[in-house]
Amino acid sequence: MAALRAAGVLERIAARVGREAAGAMCDDGVPAEAVATALGTTRSKALVLLLSAQDR
């Protein structure tokens, strides 16, 4: 049970860090393709991160 809880905590931390990184890259004008590559995700998911980071 503790391992599942730890995995959940790590997942939330990774999601938060990804959003914060996307926000920093958005502020610097980094293109979505570069964000996708840096985060190891697709361009469309990177766009979602960038758009949500603009709302912060």
N, C-alpha and C. Protein backbone atom coordinates (compact mmCIF):
# COMPACT_ATOMS: atom_id res chain seq x y z
N MET A 1 0.81 -1.19 0.00
CA MET A 1 0.00 0.00 0.00
C MET A 1 0.86 1.26 0.00
N ALA A 2 1.93 1.25 0.76
CA ALA A 2 2.82 2.41 0.82
C ALA A 2 3.47 2.68 -0.54
N ALA A 3 3.77 1.62 -1.27
CA ALA A 3 4.38 1.79 -2.59
C ALA A 3 3.42 2.48 -3.55
N LEU A 4 2.14 2.14 -3.49
CA LEU A 4 1.14 2.79 -4.33
C LEU A 4 0.99 4.26 -3.98
N ARG A 5 1.00 4.55 -2.71
CA ARG A 5 0.92 5.95 -2.25
C ARG A 5 2.13 6.73 -2.73
N ALA A 6 3.32 6.14 -2.61
CA ALA A 6 4.54 6.80 -3.06
C ALA A 6 4.51 7.04 -4.56
N ALA A 7 4.01 6.07 -5.32
CA ALA A 7 3.91 6.24 -6.77
C ALA A 7 2.97 7.38 -7.11
N GLY A 8 1.88 7.51 -6.38
CA GLY A 8 0.94 8.60 -6.60
C GLY A 8 1.56 9.95 -6.29
N VAL A 9 2.32 10.02 -5.21
CA VAL A 9 3.00 11.27 -4.85
C VAL A 9 4.01 11.64 -5.93
N LEU A 10 4.78 10.68 -6.39
CA LEU A 10 5.77 10.96 -7.44
C LEU A 10 5.09 11.41 -8.73
N GLU A 11 3.95 10.81 -9.05
CA GLU A 11 3.22 11.21 -10.25
C GLU A 11 2.76 12.66 -10.16
N ARG A 12 2.25 13.06 -9.01
CA ARG A 12 1.81 14.45 -8.82
C ARG A 12 2.98 15.41 -8.86
N ILE A 13 4.10 15.02 -8.29
CA ILE A 13 5.29 15.88 -8.33
C ILE A 13 5.77 16.06 -9.77
N ALA A 14 5.81 14.97 -10.52
CA ALA A 14 6.26 15.04 -11.92
C ALA A 14 5.32 15.92 -12.74
N ALA A 15 4.02 15.82 -12.51
CA ALA A 15 3.06 16.65 -13.24
C ALA A 15 3.26 18.12 -12.91
N ARG A 16 3.46 18.43 -11.63
CA ARG A 16 3.66 19.83 -11.22
C ARG A 16 4.96 20.40 -11.80
N VAL A 17 6.01 19.61 -11.75
CA VAL A 17 7.29 20.06 -12.29
C VAL A 17 7.18 20.28 -13.80
N GLY A 18 6.46 19.38 -14.48
CA GLY A 18 6.24 19.55 -15.91
C GLY A 18 5.52 20.84 -16.24
N ARG A 19 4.49 21.15 -15.46
CA ARG A 19 3.74 22.40 -15.67
C ARG A 19 4.63 23.61 -15.40
N GLU A 20 5.43 23.55 -14.34
CA GLU A 20 6.31 24.67 -14.02
C GLU A 20 7.37 24.85 -15.10
N ALA A 21 7.91 23.74 -15.60
CA ALA A 21 8.91 23.82 -16.67
C ALA A 21 8.29 24.39 -17.94
N ALA A 22 7.06 23.97 -18.24
CA ALA A 22 6.37 24.50 -19.42
C ALA A 22 6.14 25.99 -19.27
N GLY A 23 5.78 26.42 -18.07
CA GLY A 23 5.58 27.85 -17.82
C GLY A 23 6.85 28.65 -18.03
N ALA A 24 7.96 28.13 -17.54
CA ALA A 24 9.23 28.83 -17.73
C ALA A 24 9.62 28.89 -19.19
N MET A 25 9.39 27.80 -19.91
CA MET A 25 9.71 27.79 -21.34
C MET A 25 8.78 28.70 -22.12
N CYS A 26 7.53 28.77 -21.70
CA CYS A 26 6.56 29.65 -22.35
C CYS A 26 6.99 31.10 -22.18
N ASP A 27 7.43 31.44 -20.99
CA ASP A 27 7.89 32.80 -20.72
C ASP A 27 9.09 33.16 -21.58
N ASP A 28 9.91 32.17 -21.92
CA ASP A 28 11.10 32.40 -22.73
C ASP A 28 10.81 32.32 -24.23
N GLY A 29 9.57 31.99 -24.61
CA GLY A 29 9.20 31.92 -26.02
C GLY A 29 9.70 30.66 -26.73
N VAL A 30 9.91 29.60 -25.98
CA VAL A 30 10.39 28.35 -26.57
C VAL A 30 9.23 27.70 -27.34
N PRO A 31 9.48 27.22 -28.57
CA PRO A 31 8.40 26.60 -29.35
C PRO A 31 7.90 25.29 -28.74
N ALA A 32 6.65 24.94 -29.06
CA ALA A 32 6.02 23.74 -28.50
C ALA A 32 6.81 22.48 -28.83
N GLU A 33 7.42 22.42 -30.01
CA GLU A 33 8.20 21.24 -30.38
C GLU A 33 9.37 21.02 -29.42
N ALA A 34 10.02 22.11 -29.04
CA ALA A 34 11.15 22.01 -28.10
C ALA A 34 10.67 21.58 -26.72
N VAL A 35 9.51 22.09 -26.30
CA VAL A 35 8.94 21.70 -25.02
C VAL A 35 8.61 20.21 -25.03
N ALA A 36 8.01 19.75 -26.12
CA ALA A 36 7.66 18.34 -26.26
C ALA A 36 8.90 17.46 -26.17
N THR A 37 9.94 17.84 -26.85
CA THR A 37 11.19 17.07 -26.82
C THR A 37 11.78 17.07 -25.41
N ALA A 38 11.82 18.22 -24.77
CA ALA A 38 12.41 18.33 -23.44
C ALA A 38 11.64 17.52 -22.40
N LEU A 39 10.32 17.47 -22.55
CA LEU A 39 9.50 16.75 -21.57
C LEU A 39 9.22 15.31 -21.97
N GLY A 40 9.66 14.94 -23.17
CA GLY A 40 9.44 13.57 -23.63
C GLY A 40 7.98 13.28 -23.89
N THR A 41 7.28 14.24 -24.49
CA THR A 41 5.86 14.07 -24.75
C THR A 41 5.54 14.51 -26.18
N THR A 42 4.28 14.49 -26.53
CA THR A 42 3.88 14.88 -27.88
C THR A 42 3.73 16.40 -27.97
N ARG A 43 3.72 16.89 -29.20
CA ARG A 43 3.55 18.33 -29.42
C ARG A 43 2.20 18.80 -28.89
N SER A 44 1.16 18.01 -29.10
CA SER A 44 -0.17 18.43 -28.64
C SER A 44 -0.23 18.51 -27.12
N LYS A 45 0.39 17.57 -26.42
CA LYS A 45 0.41 17.64 -24.96
C LYS A 45 1.25 18.82 -24.48
N ALA A 46 2.32 19.11 -25.21
CA ALA A 46 3.15 20.27 -24.87
C ALA A 46 2.35 21.56 -25.05
N LEU A 47 1.55 21.63 -26.10
CA LEU A 47 0.71 22.82 -26.31
C LEU A 47 -0.27 23.01 -25.17
N VAL A 48 -0.86 21.92 -24.69
CA VAL A 48 -1.77 21.99 -23.56
C VAL A 48 -1.04 22.53 -22.33
N LEU A 49 0.15 22.02 -22.08
CA LEU A 49 0.95 22.50 -20.96
C LEU A 49 1.27 23.98 -21.09
N LEU A 50 1.66 24.39 -22.30
CA LEU A 50 2.01 25.79 -22.53
C LEU A 50 0.78 26.69 -22.34
N LEU A 51 -0.35 26.26 -22.87
CA LEU A 51 -1.57 27.07 -22.73
C LEU A 51 -2.02 27.16 -21.27
N SER A 52 -1.92 26.05 -20.56
CA SER A 52 -2.32 26.09 -19.14
C SER A 52 -1.31 26.89 -18.32
N ALA A 53 -0.05 26.91 -18.74
CA ALA A 53 0.97 27.68 -18.04
C ALA A 53 0.74 29.18 -18.22
N GLN A 54 0.15 29.56 -19.35
CA GLN A 54 -0.13 30.98 -19.58
C GLN A 54 -1.21 31.50 -18.65
N ASP A 55 -2.07 30.59 -18.17
CA ASP A 55 -3.16 30.98 -17.28
C ASP A 55 -2.73 31.13 -15.83
N ARG A 56 -1.48 30.83 -15.53
CA ARG A 56 -1.06 30.84 -14.12
C ARG A 56 -0.89 32.23 -13.60
